[in-house]
Amino acid sequence: MKCETGILLPLSDYGRDGAPIQYKAWVCANPDCGFNIRIDNGEVTFGRAIGQSYK
């Protein structure tokens, strides 16, 4: 993490067929930090900008 003060919180999602995906992403609990790790189609990315989803 960037801030070294927050904790990583796991986030879940649903797949295309509605199957639950546990721990798809982790985000820092410190809102000023913004650190995140995400798994998409087997690819691990981190540090992408976090924004509101309008789906």
PDB file of N, CA and C in Angstrom:
ATOM      1  N   MET A   1       0.839  -1.187   0.000  1.00  0.00           N
ATOM      2  CA  MET A   1       0.000   0.000   0.000  1.00  0.00           C
ATOM      3  C   MET A   1       0.875   1.238   0.000  1.00  0.00           C
ATOM      4  N   LYS A   2       0.324   2.309  -0.479  1.00  0.00           N
ATOM      5  CA  LYS A   2       1.065   3.569  -0.510  1.00  0.00           C
ATOM      6  C   LYS A   2       1.126   4.219   0.861  1.00  0.00           C
ATOM      7  N   CYS A   3       0.002   4.198   1.590  1.00  0.00           N
ATOM      8  CA  CYS A   3      -0.096   5.005   2.806  1.00  0.00           C
ATOM      9  C   CYS A   3       0.511   4.327   4.032  1.00  0.00           C
ATOM     10  N   GLU A   4       0.563   3.006   4.063  1.00  0.00           N
ATOM     11  CA  GLU A   4       1.082   2.228   5.192  1.00  0.00           C
ATOM     12  C   GLU A   4       0.285   2.435   6.474  1.00  0.00           C
ATOM     13  N   THR A   5      -0.931   3.007   6.394  1.00  0.00           N
ATOM     14  CA  THR A   5      -1.756   3.170   7.593  1.00  0.00           C
ATOM     15  C   THR A   5      -3.099   2.460   7.468  1.00  0.00           C
ATOM     16  N   GLY A   6      -3.616   2.312   6.264  1.00  0.00           N
ATOM     17  CA  GLY A   6      -4.915   1.664   6.062  1.00  0.00           C
ATOM     18  C   GLY A   6      -4.769   0.155   6.015  1.00  0.00           C
ATOM     19  N   ILE A   7      -5.899  -0.529   5.913  1.00  0.00           N
ATOM     20  CA  ILE A   7      -5.895  -1.981   5.739  1.00  0.00           C
ATOM     21  C   ILE A   7      -6.561  -2.293   4.403  1.00  0.00           C
ATOM     22  N   LEU A   8      -6.198  -3.422   3.808  1.00  0.00           N
ATOM     23  CA  LEU A   8      -6.806  -3.819   2.538  1.00  0.00           C
ATOM     24  C   LEU A   8      -8.137  -4.517   2.806  1.00  0.00           C
ATOM     25  N   LEU A   9      -9.182  -4.053   2.129  1.00  0.00           N
ATOM     26  CA  LEU A   9     -10.515  -4.633   2.257  1.00  0.00           C
ATOM     27  C   LEU A   9     -10.839  -5.427   0.999  1.00  0.00           C
ATOM     28  N   PRO A  10     -11.261  -6.703   1.145  1.00  0.00           N
ATOM     29  CA  PRO A  10     -11.610  -7.494  -0.034  1.00  0.00           C
ATOM     30  C   PRO A  10     -12.983  -7.100  -0.568  1.00  0.00           C
ATOM     31  N   LEU A  11     -13.122  -7.111  -1.884  1.00  0.00           N
ATOM     32  CA  LEU A  11     -14.399  -6.824  -2.542  1.00  0.00           C
ATOM     33  C   LEU A  11     -14.791  -8.004  -3.418  1.00  0.00           C
ATOM     34  N   SER A  12     -16.075  -8.262  -3.515  1.00  0.00           N
ATOM     35  CA  SER A  12     -16.596  -9.353  -4.331  1.00  0.00           C
ATOM     36  C   SER A  12     -17.363  -8.790  -5.520  1.00  0.00           C
ATOM     37  N   ASP A  13     -17.676  -9.666  -6.473  1.00  0.00           N
ATOM     38  CA  ASP A  13     -18.420  -9.256  -7.664  1.00  0.00           C
ATOM     39  C   ASP A  13     -19.197 -10.468  -8.166  1.00  0.00           C
ATOM     40  N   TYR A  14     -19.900 -10.290  -9.256  1.00  0.00           N
ATOM     41  CA  TYR A  14     -20.607 -11.386  -9.909  1.00  0.00           C
ATOM     42  C   TYR A  14     -20.100 -11.520 -11.331  1.00  0.00           C
ATOM     43  N   GLY A  15     -19.942 -12.767 -11.789  1.00  0.00           N
ATOM     44  CA  GLY A  15     -19.484 -13.032 -13.145  1.00  0.00           C
ATOM     45  C   GLY A  15     -20.592 -12.831 -14.165  1.00  0.00           C
ATOM     46  N   ARG A  16     -20.264 -13.089 -15.416  1.00  0.00           N
ATOM     47  CA  ARG A  16     -21.219 -12.898 -16.517  1.00  0.00           C
ATOM     48  C   ARG A  16     -22.476 -13.744 -16.354  1.00  0.00           C
ATOM     49  N   ASP A  17     -22.319 -14.939 -15.804  1.00  0.00           N
ATOM     50  CA  ASP A  17     -23.453 -15.844 -15.635  1.00  0.00           C
ATOM     51  C   ASP A  17     -24.110 -15.704 -14.266  1.00  0.00           C
ATOM     52  N   GLY A  18     -23.717 -14.702 -13.506  1.00  0.00           N
ATOM     53  CA  GLY A  18     -24.300 -14.471 -12.189  1.00  0.00           C
ATOM     54  C   GLY A  18     -23.630 -15.222 -11.057  1.00  0.00           C
ATOM     55  N   ALA A  19     -22.556 -15.944 -11.362  1.00  0.00           N
ATOM     56  CA  ALA A  19     -21.840 -16.678 -10.320  1.00  0.00           C
ATOM     57  C   ALA A  19     -21.029 -15.707  -9.467  1.00  0.00           C
ATOM     58  N   PRO A  20     -21.046 -15.885  -8.144  1.00  0.00           N
ATOM     59  CA  PRO A  20     -20.287 -14.978  -7.281  1.00  0.00           C
ATOM     60  C   PRO A  20     -18.779 -15.163  -7.459  1.00  0.00           C
ATOM     61  N   ILE A  21     -18.054 -14.061  -7.431  1.00  0.00           N
ATOM     62  CA  ILE A  21     -16.592 -14.071  -7.483  1.00  0.00           C
ATOM     63  C   ILE A  21     -16.108 -13.430  -6.187  1.00  0.00           C
ATOM     64  N   GLN A  22     -15.567 -14.252  -5.286  1.00  0.00           N
ATOM     65  CA  GLN A  22     -15.057 -13.716  -4.030  1.00  0.00           C
ATOM     66  C   GLN A  22     -13.669 -13.142  -4.251  1.00  0.00           C
ATOM     67  N   TYR A  23     -13.410 -12.051  -3.599  1.00  0.00           N
ATOM     68  CA  TYR A  23     -12.084 -11.425  -3.596  1.00  0.00           C
ATOM     69  C   TYR A  23     -11.599 -11.077  -4.996  1.00  0.00           C
ATOM     70  N   LYS A  24     -12.435 -10.392  -5.756  1.00  0.00           N
ATOM     71  CA  LYS A  24     -12.050  -9.938  -7.094  1.00  0.00           C
ATOM     72  C   LYS A  24     -11.109  -8.747  -7.008  1.00  0.00           C
ATOM     73  N   ALA A  25     -11.249  -7.958  -5.946  1.00  0.00           N
ATOM     74  CA  ALA A  25     -10.427  -6.759  -5.791  1.00  0.00           C
ATOM     75  C   ALA A  25     -10.194  -6.492  -4.312  1.00  0.00           C
ATOM     76  N   TRP A  26      -9.147  -5.742  -4.032  1.00  0.00           N
ATOM     77  CA  TRP A  26      -8.857  -5.278  -2.680  1.00  0.00           C
ATOM     78  C   TRP A  26      -8.584  -3.787  -2.766  1.00  0.00           C
ATOM     79  N   VAL A  27      -9.105  -3.027  -1.813  1.00  0.00           N
ATOM     80  CA  VAL A  27      -8.882  -1.582  -1.780  1.00  0.00           C
ATOM     81  C   VAL A  27      -8.425  -1.178  -0.389  1.00  0.00           C
ATOM     82  N   CYS A  28      -7.661  -0.105  -0.322  1.00  0.00           N
ATOM     83  CA  CYS A  28      -7.202   0.419   0.958  1.00  0.00           C
ATOM     84  C   CYS A  28      -8.364   1.125   1.652  1.00  0.00           C
ATOM     85  N   ALA A  29      -8.498   0.915   2.957  1.00  0.00           N
ATOM     86  CA  ALA A  29      -9.571   1.536   3.741  1.00  0.00           C
ATOM     87  C   ALA A  29      -9.353   3.033   3.930  1.00  0.00           C
ATOM     88  N   ASN A  30      -8.152   3.513   3.677  1.00  0.00           N
ATOM     89  CA  ASN A  30      -7.855   4.939   3.800  1.00  0.00           C
ATOM     90  C   ASN A  30      -8.268   5.624   2.495  1.00  0.00           C
ATOM     91  N   PRO A  31      -9.344   6.448   2.501  1.00  0.00           N
ATOM     92  CA  PRO A  31      -9.816   7.053   1.254  1.00  0.00           C
ATOM     93  C   PRO A  31      -8.801   7.983   0.590  1.00  0.00           C
ATOM     94  N   ASP A  32      -7.880   8.544   1.354  1.00  0.00           N
ATOM     95  CA  ASP A  32      -6.859   9.416   0.770  1.00  0.00           C
ATOM     96  C   ASP A  32      -5.791   8.624   0.025  1.00  0.00           C
ATOM     97  N   CYS A  33      -5.672   7.336   0.339  1.00  0.00           N
ATOM     98  CA  CYS A  33      -4.645   6.493  -0.279  1.00  0.00           C
ATOM     99  C   CYS A  33      -5.056   6.082  -1.693  1.00  0.00           C
ATOM    100  N   GLY A  34      -6.202   5.424  -1.819  1.00  0.00           N
ATOM    101  CA  GLY A  34      -6.686   5.000  -3.127  1.00  0.00           C
ATOM    102  C   GLY A  34      -6.017   3.765  -3.704  1.00  0.00           C
ATOM    103  N   PHE A  35      -5.147   3.087  -2.938  1.00  0.00           N
ATOM    104  CA  PHE A  35      -4.470   1.903  -3.455  1.00  0.00           C
ATOM    105  C   PHE A  35      -5.484   0.792  -3.701  1.00  0.00           C
ATOM    106  N   ASN A  36      -5.318   0.049  -4.796  1.00  0.00           N
ATOM    107  CA  ASN A  36      -6.213  -1.055  -5.099  1.00  0.00           C
ATOM    108  C   ASN A  36      -5.508  -2.115  -5.925  1.00  0.00           C
ATOM    109  N   ILE A  37      -5.976  -3.346  -5.771  1.00  0.00           N
ATOM    110  CA  ILE A  37      -5.508  -4.495  -6.551  1.00  0.00           C
ATOM    111  C   ILE A  37      -6.757  -5.142  -7.132  1.00  0.00           C
ATOM    112  N   ARG A  38      -6.698  -5.532  -8.411  1.00  0.00           N
ATOM    113  CA  ARG A  38      -7.878  -6.086  -9.078  1.00  0.00           C
ATOM    114  C   ARG A  38      -7.471  -7.268  -9.952  1.00  0.00           C
ATOM    115  N   ILE A  39      -8.334  -8.278 -10.018  1.00  0.00           N
ATOM    116  CA  ILE A  39      -8.119  -9.429 -10.886  1.00  0.00           C
ATOM    117  C   ILE A  39      -9.210  -9.422 -11.948  1.00  0.00           C
ATOM    118  N   ASP A  40      -8.813  -9.349 -13.210  1.00  0.00           N
ATOM    119  CA  ASP A  40      -9.746  -9.352 -14.337  1.00  0.00           C
ATOM    120  C   ASP A  40      -9.287 -10.360 -15.371  1.00  0.00           C
ATOM    121  N   ASN A  41     -10.081 -11.390 -15.597  1.00  0.00           N
ATOM    122  CA  ASN A  41      -9.746 -12.429 -16.581  1.00  0.00           C
ATOM    123  C   ASN A  41      -8.344 -12.988 -16.374  1.00  0.00           C
ATOM    124  N   GLY A  42      -7.980 -13.205 -15.116  1.00  0.00           N
ATOM    125  CA  GLY A  42      -6.685 -13.774 -14.784  1.00  0.00           C
ATOM    126  C   GLY A  42      -5.536 -12.785 -14.760  1.00  0.00           C
ATOM    127  N   GLU A  43      -5.783 -11.534 -15.086  1.00  0.00           N
ATOM    128  CA  GLU A  43      -4.746 -10.499 -15.080  1.00  0.00           C
ATOM    129  C   GLU A  43      -4.849  -9.678 -13.797  1.00  0.00           C
ATOM    130  N   VAL A  44      -3.732  -9.529 -13.099  1.00  0.00           N
ATOM    131  CA  VAL A  44      -3.690  -8.756 -11.859  1.00  0.00           C
ATOM    132  C   VAL A  44      -3.188  -7.350 -12.170  1.00  0.00           C
ATOM    133  N   THR A  45      -3.962  -6.352 -11.780  1.00  0.00           N
ATOM    134  CA  THR A  45      -3.560  -4.960 -11.971  1.00  0.00           C
ATOM    135  C   THR A  45      -3.640  -4.241 -10.634  1.00  0.00           C
ATOM    136  N   PHE A  46      -2.863  -3.184 -10.494  1.00  0.00           N
ATOM    137  CA  PHE A  46      -2.943  -2.396  -9.265  1.00  0.00           C
ATOM    138  C   PHE A  46      -2.685  -0.940  -9.576  1.00  0.00           C
ATOM    139  N   GLY A  47      -3.216  -0.086  -8.713  1.00  0.00           N
ATOM    140  CA  GLY A  47      -2.973   1.340  -8.828  1.00  0.00           C
ATOM    141  C   GLY A  47      -3.871   2.080  -9.796  1.00  0.00           C
ATOM    142  N   ARG A  48      -4.856   1.411 -10.402  1.00  0.00           N
ATOM    143  CA  ARG A  48      -5.759   2.110 -11.314  1.00  0.00           C
ATOM    144  C   ARG A  48      -6.632   3.081 -10.533  1.00  0.00           C
ATOM    145  N   ALA A  49      -7.074   4.132 -11.204  1.00  0.00           N
ATOM    146  CA  ALA A  49      -7.937   5.125 -10.556  1.00  0.00           C
ATOM    147  C   ALA A  49      -9.261   4.480 -10.153  1.00  0.00           C
ATOM    148  N   ILE A  50      -9.740   4.839  -8.983  1.00  0.00           N
ATOM    149  CA  ILE A  50     -11.005   4.316  -8.478  1.00  0.00           C
ATOM    150  C   ILE A  50     -12.083   5.355  -8.737  1.00  0.00           C
ATOM    151  N   GLY A  51     -13.193   4.917  -9.271  1.00  0.00           N
ATOM    152  CA  GLY A  51     -14.292   5.839  -9.537  1.00  0.00           C
ATOM    153  C   GLY A  51     -15.628   5.171  -9.312  1.00  0.00           C
ATOM    154  N   GLN A  52     -16.681   5.943  -9.389  1.00  0.00           N
ATOM    155  CA  GLN A  52     -18.038   5.445  -9.221  1.00  0.00           C
ATOM    156  C   GLN A  52     -18.463   4.647 -10.446  1.00  0.00           C
ATOM    157  N   SER A  53     -19.082   3.496 -10.224  1.00  0.00           N
ATOM    158  CA  SER A  53     -19.628   2.702 -11.320  1.00  0.00           C
ATOM    159  C   SER A  53     -21.077   3.106 -11.538  1.00  0.00           C
ATOM    160  N   TYR A  54     -21.445   3.331 -12.781  1.00  0.00           N
ATOM    161  CA  TYR A  54     -22.804   3.746 -13.093  1.00  0.00           C
ATOM    162  C   TYR A  54     -23.590   2.646 -13.796  1.00  0.00           C
ATOM    163  N   LYS A  55     -23.206   1.392 -13.585  1.00  0.00           N
ATOM    164  CA  LYS A  55     -23.905   0.252 -14.204  1.00  0.00           C
ATOM    165  C   LYS A  55     -25.216  -0.001 -13.501  1.00  0.00           C
TER     166      LYS A  55
END
